[in-house]
Protein backbone atom coordinates (compact mmCIF):
# COMPACT_ATOMS: atom_id res chain seq x y z
CA UNK A 1 15.99 69.75 -43.86
CA UNK A 2 19.50 69.47 -42.50
CA UNK A 3 20.68 66.00 -41.48
CA UNK A 4 22.65 64.83 -38.45
CA UNK A 5 25.30 62.15 -38.75
CA UNK A 6 24.98 59.36 -36.17
CA UNK A 7 27.96 57.25 -35.11
CA UNK A 8 28.27 53.64 -36.21
CA UNK A 9 25.80 50.83 -35.51
CA UNK A 10 25.95 50.46 -31.72
CA UNK A 11 22.33 50.50 -30.53
CA UNK A 12 23.19 51.89 -27.09
CA UNK A 13 24.90 54.85 -28.77
CA UNK A 14 22.20 55.48 -31.36
CA UNK A 15 19.27 55.30 -28.95
CA UNK A 16 21.19 57.55 -26.55
CA UNK A 17 21.73 59.97 -29.43
CA UNK A 18 18.06 59.96 -30.39
CA UNK A 19 17.10 60.72 -26.80
CA UNK A 20 19.77 63.33 -26.06
CA UNK A 21 18.94 65.26 -29.23
CA UNK A 22 15.24 65.29 -28.31
CA UNK A 23 15.97 66.83 -24.92
CA UNK A 24 18.89 69.12 -25.80
CA UNK A 25 19.26 69.94 -29.50
CA UNK A 26 16.39 72.44 -29.71
CA UNK A 27 16.60 73.13 -33.48
CA UNK A 28 14.82 76.14 -34.96
CA UNK A 29 13.71 74.08 -37.97
CA UNK A 30 13.08 70.35 -38.50
CA UNK A 31 16.17 68.16 -38.84
CA UNK A 32 16.53 64.45 -39.53
CA UNK A 33 18.92 61.51 -39.31
CA UNK A 34 19.28 58.18 -41.09
CA UNK A 35 21.10 55.49 -39.14
CA UNK A 36 21.47 51.74 -38.57
CA UNK A 37 21.83 49.40 -35.62
CA UNK A 38 23.53 46.05 -35.63
CA UNK A 39 21.37 43.27 -34.16
CA UNK A 40 19.24 44.81 -31.42
CA UNK A 41 15.84 44.69 -29.78
CA UNK A 42 14.54 48.18 -29.05
CA UNK A 43 11.93 48.10 -26.29
CA UNK A 44 9.21 50.73 -25.84
CA UNK A 45 9.41 53.07 -22.85
CA UNK A 46 6.46 51.47 -21.06
CA UNK A 47 7.21 47.82 -21.79
CA UNK A 48 8.37 44.96 -19.59
CA UNK A 49 11.70 43.96 -21.13
CA UNK A 50 11.68 40.60 -19.38
CA UNK A 51 8.46 39.68 -21.19
CA UNK A 52 9.46 41.10 -24.58
CA UNK A 53 12.80 39.43 -25.32
CA UNK A 54 13.98 35.84 -25.66
CA UNK A 55 16.90 36.29 -23.28
CA UNK A 56 18.66 33.04 -24.17
CA UNK A 57 18.66 33.98 -27.84
CA UNK A 58 19.78 37.59 -27.46
CA UNK A 59 22.57 36.53 -25.07
CA UNK A 60 23.90 33.84 -27.41
CA UNK A 61 23.59 35.86 -30.63
CA UNK A 62 25.02 39.20 -29.50
CA UNK A 63 21.69 41.02 -29.81
CA UNK A 64 21.71 44.29 -27.89
CA UNK A 65 18.63 45.15 -25.81
CA UNK A 66 17.88 48.86 -25.39
CA UNK A 67 14.92 50.78 -23.99
CA UNK A 68 13.95 53.92 -25.93
CA UNK A 69 12.13 56.96 -24.53
CA UNK A 70 9.17 56.73 -26.93
CA UNK A 71 6.18 54.44 -26.50
CA UNK A 72 4.97 51.60 -28.69
CA UNK A 73 6.12 48.01 -28.99
CA UNK A 74 9.42 46.18 -29.14
CA UNK A 75 11.11 46.09 -32.55
CA UNK A 76 14.07 44.24 -34.00
CA UNK A 77 16.86 46.08 -35.80
CA UNK A 78 19.74 44.80 -37.91
CA UNK A 79 21.87 46.04 -40.80
CA UNK A 80 19.11 45.13 -43.25
CA UNK A 81 17.04 47.88 -41.65
CA UNK A 82 17.39 51.68 -41.99
CA UNK A 83 16.24 53.79 -39.06
CA UNK A 84 15.15 57.39 -39.39
CA UNK A 85 14.49 60.19 -36.90
CA UNK A 86 12.90 63.60 -37.36
CA UNK A 87 13.26 66.33 -34.71
CA UNK A 88 10.54 68.92 -35.20
CA UNK A 89 9.65 72.09 -33.27
CA UNK A 90 5.97 71.77 -32.29
CA UNK A 91 4.11 74.35 -30.21
CA UNK A 92 2.22 71.84 -28.07
CA UNK A 93 1.55 68.12 -27.70
CA UNK A 94 -2.05 68.78 -28.74
CA UNK A 95 -0.79 69.57 -32.22
CA UNK A 96 0.88 66.20 -32.73
CA UNK A 97 -0.74 64.08 -35.41
CA UNK A 98 0.92 60.80 -36.35
CA UNK A 99 0.04 60.91 -40.03
CA UNK A 100 1.33 64.46 -40.38
CA UNK A 101 4.78 63.41 -39.20
CA UNK A 102 4.86 60.14 -41.16
CA UNK A 103 4.37 62.21 -44.32
CA UNK A 104 8.01 63.33 -44.87
CA UNK A 105 9.13 59.70 -45.12
CA UNK A 106 6.06 58.84 -47.19
CA UNK A 107 7.03 61.59 -49.64
CA UNK A 108 10.66 60.45 -49.67
CA UNK A 109 9.68 56.87 -50.50
CA UNK A 110 7.53 58.04 -53.40
CA UNK A 111 10.40 60.21 -54.62
CA UNK A 112 12.61 57.13 -54.99
CA UNK A 113 9.94 55.14 -56.80
CA UNK A 114 8.20 53.26 -53.98
CA UNK A 115 4.41 53.40 -53.85
CA UNK A 116 4.03 53.46 -50.05
CA UNK A 117 0.78 54.16 -48.22
CA UNK A 118 0.12 55.47 -44.70
CA UNK A 119 -2.10 53.03 -42.80
CA UNK A 120 -3.21 52.32 -39.27
CA UNK A 121 -1.96 54.53 -36.48
CA UNK A 122 1.72 54.65 -37.40
CA UNK A 123 2.60 52.33 -40.30
CA UNK A 124 3.81 52.61 -43.87
CA UNK A 125 2.83 49.80 -46.25
CA UNK A 126 3.48 48.72 -49.82
CA UNK A 127 0.85 46.51 -51.46
CA UNK A 128 -0.63 45.74 -48.05
CA UNK A 129 2.71 44.74 -46.49
CA UNK A 130 4.10 46.71 -43.57
CA UNK A 131 7.53 48.16 -44.36
CA UNK A 132 7.80 50.73 -41.58
CA UNK A 133 6.67 51.22 -37.99
CA UNK A 134 6.90 54.58 -36.22
CA UNK A 135 6.87 56.03 -32.71
CA UNK A 136 6.89 59.55 -31.26
CA UNK A 137 7.81 61.46 -28.13
CA UNK A 138 7.11 65.12 -27.34
CA UNK A 139 9.29 67.03 -24.87
CA UNK A 140 9.43 70.75 -24.16
CA UNK A 141 8.29 72.04 -27.52
CA UNK A 142 9.99 69.41 -29.68
CA UNK A 143 8.75 66.22 -31.25
CA UNK A 144 10.95 63.22 -31.99
CA UNK A 145 9.36 61.05 -34.67
CA UNK A 146 11.37 57.93 -35.43
CA UNK A 147 10.85 54.68 -37.22
CA UNK A 148 12.23 51.81 -39.24
CA UNK A 149 12.46 50.99 -42.94
CA UNK A 150 12.68 47.26 -43.60
CA UNK A 151 14.99 46.86 -46.57
CA UNK A 152 16.01 43.21 -46.07
CA UNK A 153 15.86 42.30 -42.39
CA UNK A 154 16.42 38.80 -40.93
CA UNK A 155 12.90 37.59 -40.15
CA UNK A 156 13.99 34.49 -38.24
CA UNK A 157 16.31 36.50 -36.00
CA UNK A 158 13.48 38.99 -35.48
CA UNK A 159 11.12 36.24 -34.38
CA UNK A 160 13.62 34.49 -32.13
CA UNK A 161 14.76 37.72 -30.47
CA UNK A 162 11.24 38.83 -29.64
CA UNK A 163 10.36 36.18 -27.09
CA UNK A 164 9.69 33.08 -29.13
CA UNK A 165 11.69 30.48 -27.20
CA UNK A 166 9.72 27.38 -28.17
CA UNK A 167 11.01 25.77 -31.39
CA UNK A 168 7.49 24.50 -32.12
CA UNK A 169 6.32 28.06 -32.78
CA UNK A 170 9.32 29.55 -34.60
CA UNK A 171 8.44 28.50 -38.16
CA UNK A 172 4.76 29.31 -37.64
CA UNK A 173 5.60 32.75 -36.25
CA UNK A 174 8.05 33.48 -39.08
CA UNK A 175 5.43 32.49 -41.66
CA UNK A 176 2.89 34.75 -39.97
CA UNK A 177 5.28 37.72 -39.92
CA UNK A 178 6.25 37.21 -43.58
CA UNK A 179 2.57 37.28 -44.51
CA UNK A 180 2.11 40.81 -43.17
CA UNK A 181 5.61 42.34 -43.38
CA UNK A 182 7.28 43.40 -46.62
CA UNK A 183 10.92 43.97 -47.49
CA UNK A 184 11.48 47.16 -49.46
CA UNK A 185 14.08 45.53 -51.74
CA UNK A 186 11.30 43.38 -53.21
CA UNK A 187 9.47 46.50 -54.42
CA UNK A 188 12.48 48.68 -55.25
CA UNK A 189 13.19 49.92 -58.79
CA UNK A 190 15.86 47.94 -60.64
CA UNK A 191 19.39 48.88 -59.60
CA UNK A 192 18.41 50.34 -56.24
CA UNK A 193 20.39 48.68 -53.44
CA UNK A 194 20.42 49.59 -49.75
CA UNK A 195 23.26 52.12 -50.02
CA UNK A 196 21.68 53.85 -53.02
CA UNK A 197 18.32 53.80 -51.23
CA UNK A 198 19.90 55.53 -48.22
CA UNK A 199 21.59 58.12 -50.45
CA UNK A 200 18.39 58.76 -52.37
CA UNK A 201 16.38 59.33 -49.20
CA UNK A 202 18.99 61.71 -47.83
CA UNK A 203 19.18 63.57 -51.15
CA UNK A 204 15.42 64.07 -51.21
CA UNK A 205 15.04 65.04 -47.54
CA UNK A 206 17.87 67.60 -47.75
CA UNK A 207 16.15 69.33 -50.68
CA UNK A 208 18.44 67.69 -53.22
CA UNK A 209 21.45 68.17 -50.98
CA UNK A 210 21.02 71.93 -50.57
CA UNK A 211 20.39 71.87 -46.81
CA UNK A 212 23.50 69.90 -45.85
CA UNK A 213 24.61 68.63 -42.45
CA UNK A 214 24.01 70.03 -38.99
CA UNK A 215 27.38 69.34 -37.38
CA UNK A 216 27.36 68.64 -33.65
CA UNK A 217 30.05 70.07 -31.42
CA UNK A 218 32.60 67.93 -29.60
CA UNK A 219 30.88 68.88 -26.34
CA UNK A 220 27.50 67.69 -27.63
CA UNK A 221 28.92 64.38 -28.79
CA UNK A 222 30.71 63.90 -25.46
CA UNK A 223 27.41 64.45 -23.64
CA UNK A 224 25.73 61.86 -25.88
CA UNK A 225 28.49 59.34 -25.15
CA UNK A 226 27.92 59.96 -21.45
CA UNK A 227 24.22 59.15 -21.86
CA UNK A 228 25.19 56.00 -23.71
CA UNK A 229 27.59 54.80 -21.01
CA UNK A 230 25.66 55.84 -17.91
CA UNK A 231 22.07 55.26 -18.97
CA UNK A 232 21.26 53.53 -22.23
CA UNK A 233 23.77 50.69 -21.91
CA UNK A 234 22.86 49.92 -18.29
CA UNK A 235 20.80 47.07 -16.89
CA UNK A 236 18.99 49.54 -14.61
CA UNK A 237 17.55 51.39 -17.62
CA UNK A 238 16.99 48.57 -20.08
CA UNK A 239 15.58 46.04 -17.58
CA UNK A 240 15.16 47.85 -14.28
CA UNK A 241 12.74 50.39 -15.75
CA UNK A 242 10.26 47.61 -16.53
CA UNK A 243 6.86 48.04 -14.85
CA UNK A 244 6.14 46.10 -11.67
CA UNK A 245 4.99 42.56 -12.47
CA UNK A 246 4.20 39.16 -10.97
CA UNK A 247 5.88 36.10 -12.43
CA UNK A 248 5.20 32.37 -12.25
CA UNK A 249 6.98 29.41 -13.81
CA UNK A 250 6.81 25.63 -13.45
CA UNK A 251 9.12 22.72 -14.17
CA UNK A 252 9.46 19.02 -13.38
CA UNK A 253 12.85 17.57 -12.51
CA UNK A 254 14.01 14.13 -11.47
CA UNK A 255 14.19 15.53 -7.94
CA UNK A 256 10.61 16.82 -7.96
CA UNK A 257 8.40 19.54 -9.39
CA UNK A 258 8.71 23.25 -8.58
CA UNK A 259 6.50 26.27 -9.10
CA UNK A 260 8.43 29.52 -8.87
CA UNK A 261 6.48 32.64 -7.96
CA UNK A 262 8.08 36.08 -7.82
CA UNK A 263 7.07 39.70 -7.58
CA UNK A 264 9.37 42.10 -9.40
CA UNK A 265 9.68 45.88 -9.14
CA UNK A 266 12.31 48.00 -10.95
CA UNK A 267 13.79 44.73 -12.17
CA UNK A 268 14.44 43.50 -8.61
CA UNK A 269 12.81 40.60 -6.78
CA UNK A 270 10.56 41.90 -3.98
CA UNK A 271 9.03 38.56 -3.00
CA UNK A 272 9.60 34.94 -3.95
CA UNK A 273 8.03 31.56 -3.27
CA UNK A 274 8.95 27.99 -4.23
CA UNK A 275 6.09 25.47 -4.20
CA UNK A 276 6.30 21.79 -5.08
CA UNK A 277 7.09 18.24 -4.04
CA UNK A 278 10.88 18.64 -4.09
CA UNK A 279 12.70 17.03 -1.17
CA UNK A 280 14.71 19.80 0.44
CA UNK A 281 17.04 18.79 3.26
CA UNK A 282 16.66 22.22 4.85
CA UNK A 283 13.79 24.71 4.59
CA UNK A 284 14.41 27.11 1.69
CA UNK A 285 12.69 29.86 3.67
CA UNK A 286 15.83 30.08 5.78
CA UNK A 287 17.50 31.82 2.81
CA UNK A 288 14.45 33.59 1.36
CA UNK A 289 15.73 37.00 2.43
CA UNK A 290 18.82 36.54 0.25
CA UNK A 291 16.66 36.53 -2.89
CA UNK A 292 14.94 39.79 -1.99
CA UNK A 293 16.41 42.80 -3.76
CA UNK A 294 18.51 40.90 -6.32
CA UNK A 295 18.02 41.40 -10.10
CA UNK A 296 15.39 39.19 -11.68
CA UNK A 297 17.76 37.14 -13.80
CA UNK A 298 19.13 33.58 -13.69
CA UNK A 299 22.73 34.64 -13.00
CA UNK A 300 21.82 36.51 -9.80
CA UNK A 301 19.59 33.68 -8.57
CA UNK A 302 22.31 31.13 -9.32
CA UNK A 303 24.78 33.02 -7.13
CA UNK A 304 22.43 32.67 -4.15
CA UNK A 305 21.76 28.99 -4.86
CA UNK A 306 25.46 28.14 -5.26
CA UNK A 307 26.38 30.10 -2.15
CA UNK A 308 23.94 27.94 -0.17
CA UNK A 309 24.38 24.62 -2.00
CA UNK A 310 25.49 22.72 1.11
CA UNK A 311 22.04 23.20 2.63
CA UNK A 312 20.42 21.17 -0.18
CA UNK A 313 17.38 23.42 0.08
CA UNK A 314 15.96 21.99 -3.13
CA UNK A 315 17.18 18.45 -2.75
CA UNK A 316 18.85 17.00 -5.83
CA UNK A 317 17.55 19.63 -8.27
CA UNK A 318 20.46 21.21 -10.13
CA UNK A 319 21.03 24.83 -9.15
CA UNK A 320 21.62 26.04 -12.69
CA UNK A 321 18.45 24.38 -13.99
CA UNK A 322 16.48 25.89 -11.12
CA UNK A 323 17.92 29.36 -11.75
CA UNK A 324 16.82 29.18 -15.40
CA UNK A 325 13.20 29.28 -14.24
CA UNK A 326 13.78 32.94 -13.42
CA UNK A 327 13.49 33.96 -17.05
CA UNK A 328 10.30 35.26 -18.56
CA UNK A 329 10.65 33.53 -21.93
CA UNK A 330 10.73 30.11 -20.27
CA UNK A 331 7.18 30.37 -19.03
């Protein structure tokens, strides 16, 4: 197979590239790519981003959040992880079989001395430990099969990024993940580091280098950059495409208790209610309409609260603390 060179480790760019190539490359024969993302959470096409990520952690640790076009669950990427993508002409979606398209990577791993096994619906394991998860998307006669290879990923960052906000559960969750996830470096032949592993995979998949690179045109790369800037790096795609959901949260403050209830569609608040024994000077319902249609995020809520602070709608409760209730991982 020929390989395609991705650009750097920006997750917005790489997920945009994956997606653009699926829709527009239209190769006559299978092609593949090996690539890496810096710290990122990659959310499945049908997932609720608000419920999948620990927003405080990803904001404070420069973790990118990107929605992909394939299904499946949210995954964490970093530079201890190699990603791979195969683009394969397939006559119809009925002919798609997960195990069939996991096999090229299975064969590549065996070729470099790793005794991997295909298990479950889309996993690769070594000695019962998961080292790779995979997802697929079929569009117009072409299948994109992509996945991860865990060489030496940061388990704690993985746990904290994927919506574990309570310190009480972090160590327990990390222990649980370590018990079922394996790092390829622990099973690798002596002398094989990440760079050599990458080179060995590429050498095998290109038929010992004979197939070479499929070089994209400047126009193709410009189109991919456009997808990155105008779709895959936007809040509307990464958060706004979340399914409609209802949200509740509760907190006690010195100024009283509050239950926040919100309905959210396309990432925007469509209805909101505040219930509790807080002592508002004015009725908060006077400004309810200002919350409707804003993004479901603390920063947008805080703007409304600060704009109306003189009304003391929530008594002595601090506006910033109240706005933080509009965050799924604080439930």
